[in-house]
């Protein structure tokens, strides 16, 4: 099981305010708390972050890595530019950073997979295509190609890595039904 601490989230009043005001103290305190609790990853969730995400996400990454340089981060926003900017400043950890997440939609994965590969990042592949989440096994089997991921119908997501040895394929790390 992979433990992902998800308390650095824009919807938290305290953390959301810290993000907005660029106040490192509450962010760093929460990051230290999550490391103390044994999280394998610390998730930084900016939500959509449409306006300033490309500036905010790298700032938060640097802020967190100042106090927990040994814990890998999960970069969680739908803003692709914010993910790319954060990966440029990410300091290497024993495990690669985790892009949270890439949907099985061409407009998402065609842009995000090369970014993940260029920065040696793992990613969470959501089995969420243009029509939403497959409702049953038949829909799952009829869903668009999953880019080489081996999936089971019960899985909602897969942690994977772009495989350099087989272009277009992924080295699969694990599957989950979405329950952390």
Protein backbone atom coordinates (compact mmCIF):
# COMPACT_ATOMS: atom_id res chain seq x y z
CA UNK A 1 0.00 0.00 0.00
CA UNK A 2 1.20 3.51 -0.85
CA UNK A 3 0.32 6.22 1.68
CA UNK A 4 -0.28 9.64 0.15
CA UNK A 5 -0.77 12.53 2.56
CA UNK A 6 -3.40 14.80 1.07
CA UNK A 7 -3.62 17.64 3.59
CA UNK A 8 -1.73 20.22 1.52
CA UNK A 9 -4.95 21.02 -0.30
CA UNK A 10 -6.30 24.33 -1.56
CA UNK A 11 -9.74 23.52 -0.10
CA UNK A 12 -8.33 23.62 3.44
CA UNK A 13 -8.94 27.11 4.84
CA UNK A 14 -5.53 27.22 6.53
CA UNK A 15 -3.53 25.79 3.61
CA UNK A 16 -5.56 27.58 0.93
CA UNK A 17 -4.83 30.89 2.66
CA UNK A 18 -1.13 29.98 2.94
CA UNK A 19 -1.01 29.19 -0.79
CA UNK A 20 -2.71 32.48 -1.65
CA UNK A 21 -0.51 34.59 0.64
CA UNK A 22 2.66 32.59 -0.10
CA UNK A 23 3.05 31.93 3.62
CA UNK A 24 5.46 28.99 4.00
CA UNK A 25 4.94 28.33 7.72
CA UNK A 26 1.59 26.42 7.67
CA UNK A 27 2.65 24.52 4.55
CA UNK A 28 5.95 23.43 6.07
CA UNK A 29 4.33 22.50 9.40
CA UNK A 30 1.84 20.27 7.58
CA UNK A 31 4.59 18.70 5.45
CA UNK A 32 6.60 17.86 8.59
CA UNK A 33 3.48 16.40 10.23
CA UNK A 34 2.83 14.19 7.20
CA UNK A 35 6.41 12.92 7.20
CA UNK A 36 6.10 12.21 10.94
CA UNK A 37 2.94 10.16 10.23
CA UNK A 38 4.83 8.02 7.71
CA UNK A 39 3.41 9.20 4.40
CA UNK A 40 5.14 7.73 1.35
CA UNK A 41 4.24 10.83 -0.68
CA UNK A 42 3.03 14.31 0.16
CA UNK A 43 0.34 15.47 -2.24
CA UNK A 44 0.26 19.15 -3.20
CA UNK A 45 -3.27 19.83 -4.43
CA UNK A 46 -3.81 23.23 -6.05
CA UNK A 47 -7.14 22.34 -7.62
CA UNK A 48 -7.51 23.78 -11.15
CA UNK A 49 -5.10 26.69 -10.42
CA UNK A 50 -5.95 28.33 -13.72
CA UNK A 51 -4.54 31.81 -13.06
CA UNK A 52 -1.22 31.46 -11.23
CA UNK A 53 -0.69 27.71 -11.01
CA UNK A 54 2.48 27.79 -13.11
CA UNK A 55 3.99 30.12 -10.45
CA UNK A 56 2.36 28.72 -7.33
CA UNK A 57 3.13 25.00 -7.78
CA UNK A 58 6.92 25.48 -8.11
CA UNK A 59 6.88 27.78 -5.07
CA UNK A 60 5.01 25.18 -3.00
CA UNK A 61 7.36 22.40 -4.17
CA UNK A 62 10.40 24.44 -3.10
CA UNK A 63 8.70 25.37 0.19
CA UNK A 64 7.91 21.73 1.04
CA UNK A 65 11.28 20.37 -0.07
CA UNK A 66 13.08 22.87 2.20
CA UNK A 67 11.79 20.92 5.22
CA UNK A 68 11.17 17.41 3.88
CA UNK A 69 13.71 16.86 1.09
CA UNK A 70 13.50 13.08 1.57
CA UNK A 71 9.75 12.61 0.95
CA UNK A 72 8.64 12.42 -2.68
CA UNK A 73 5.82 14.71 -3.76
CA UNK A 74 2.61 14.09 -5.64
CA UNK A 75 1.78 17.06 -7.85
CA UNK A 76 -1.98 17.36 -7.99
CA UNK A 77 -3.62 19.90 -10.29
CA UNK A 78 -5.43 19.86 -13.61
CA UNK A 79 -3.15 22.72 -14.75
CA UNK A 80 -0.60 21.05 -17.02
CA UNK A 81 1.66 24.12 -17.07
CA UNK A 82 1.77 24.06 -13.25
CA UNK A 83 2.85 20.40 -13.27
CA UNK A 84 5.57 21.10 -15.86
CA UNK A 85 6.86 24.13 -13.94
CA UNK A 86 6.96 22.18 -10.67
CA UNK A 87 8.88 19.29 -12.20
CA UNK A 88 11.54 21.74 -13.42
CA UNK A 89 12.35 22.80 -9.83
CA UNK A 90 11.77 19.40 -8.15
CA UNK A 91 14.85 18.16 -6.29
CA UNK A 92 15.39 14.41 -6.78
CA UNK A 93 14.20 12.03 -4.08
CA UNK A 94 14.73 8.28 -3.66
CA UNK A 95 11.38 7.68 -5.35
CA UNK A 96 10.39 9.78 -8.36
CA UNK A 97 7.75 12.48 -8.08
CA UNK A 98 4.19 11.47 -8.81
CA UNK A 99 1.95 13.31 -11.27
CA UNK A 100 -1.57 13.10 -9.89
CA UNK A 101 -3.14 12.42 -12.35
CA UNK A 102 -3.47 11.67 -16.06
CA UNK A 103 -6.90 10.76 -17.41
CA UNK A 104 -7.40 8.39 -20.34
CA UNK A 105 -8.29 11.34 -22.56
CA UNK A 106 -6.05 12.15 -25.53
CA UNK A 107 -5.96 15.88 -24.78
CA UNK A 108 -4.52 15.06 -21.34
CA UNK A 109 -2.22 12.09 -21.86
CA UNK A 110 -0.71 13.23 -25.17
CA UNK A 111 0.63 16.32 -23.38
CA UNK A 112 1.30 14.94 -19.91
CA UNK A 113 3.07 11.66 -20.69
CA UNK A 114 6.04 13.37 -22.39
CA UNK A 115 6.30 15.79 -19.45
CA UNK A 116 6.34 12.88 -16.98
CA UNK A 117 8.92 11.04 -19.08
CA UNK A 118 11.18 14.08 -19.46
CA UNK A 119 11.31 14.47 -15.67
CA UNK A 120 11.42 10.76 -14.75
CA UNK A 121 8.10 11.12 -12.90
CA UNK A 122 5.66 8.37 -12.08
CA UNK A 123 2.02 9.13 -12.66
CA UNK A 124 -1.42 8.04 -11.60
CA UNK A 125 -3.41 6.96 -14.63
CA UNK A 126 -7.11 7.43 -14.01
CA UNK A 127 -9.37 5.11 -15.89
CA UNK A 128 -11.55 8.07 -16.72
CA UNK A 129 -12.08 8.52 -20.44
CA UNK A 130 -14.17 10.93 -22.53
CA UNK A 131 -17.38 9.21 -21.41
CA UNK A 132 -16.39 9.16 -17.73
CA UNK A 133 -15.62 6.11 -15.61
CA UNK A 134 -16.63 2.76 -17.17
CA UNK A 135 -19.69 1.50 -15.29
CA UNK A 136 -19.23 -2.23 -15.91
CA UNK A 137 -16.84 -4.75 -17.46
CA UNK A 138 -18.32 -4.47 -20.97
CA UNK A 139 -17.84 -0.69 -21.05
CA UNK A 140 -14.36 -1.14 -19.65
CA UNK A 141 -13.43 -3.55 -22.45
CA UNK A 142 -14.85 -1.14 -25.05
CA UNK A 143 -13.02 1.89 -23.62
CA UNK A 144 -10.28 3.52 -25.70
CA UNK A 145 -6.85 1.89 -25.58
CA UNK A 146 -5.17 2.41 -22.24
CA UNK A 147 -1.75 3.11 -23.72
CA UNK A 148 -0.29 -0.26 -22.86
CA UNK A 149 -1.47 -0.36 -19.25
CA UNK A 150 -2.64 -3.75 -18.06
CA UNK A 151 -5.81 -3.10 -16.11
CA UNK A 152 -8.55 -4.94 -14.32
CA UNK A 153 -12.14 -3.67 -14.44
CA UNK A 154 -12.21 -3.04 -10.68
CA UNK A 155 -9.27 -0.62 -10.88
CA UNK A 156 -9.98 3.10 -10.84
CA UNK A 157 -6.35 4.09 -11.23
CA UNK A 158 -2.87 2.74 -11.81
CA UNK A 159 0.50 4.08 -10.68
CA UNK A 160 2.84 3.81 -13.65
CA UNK A 161 6.05 5.10 -15.22
CA UNK A 162 6.84 5.77 -18.88
CA UNK A 163 8.98 2.84 -20.02
CA UNK A 164 12.10 3.95 -21.92
CA UNK A 165 12.65 0.43 -23.26
CA UNK A 166 9.31 0.18 -25.04
CA UNK A 167 8.14 3.45 -26.58
CA UNK A 168 4.45 4.01 -25.94
CA UNK A 169 4.41 1.51 -23.07
CA UNK A 170 4.40 1.91 -19.34
CA UNK A 171 6.10 0.10 -16.52
CA UNK A 172 3.19 -0.53 -14.20
CA UNK A 173 3.79 -0.07 -10.49
CA UNK A 174 0.41 -1.01 -9.01
CA UNK A 175 -3.37 -0.66 -9.16
CA UNK A 176 -5.95 0.62 -6.74
CA UNK A 177 -9.69 0.75 -6.48
CA UNK A 178 -9.32 4.32 -5.24
CA UNK A 179 -9.46 3.58 -1.52
CA UNK A 180 -6.22 4.88 0.04
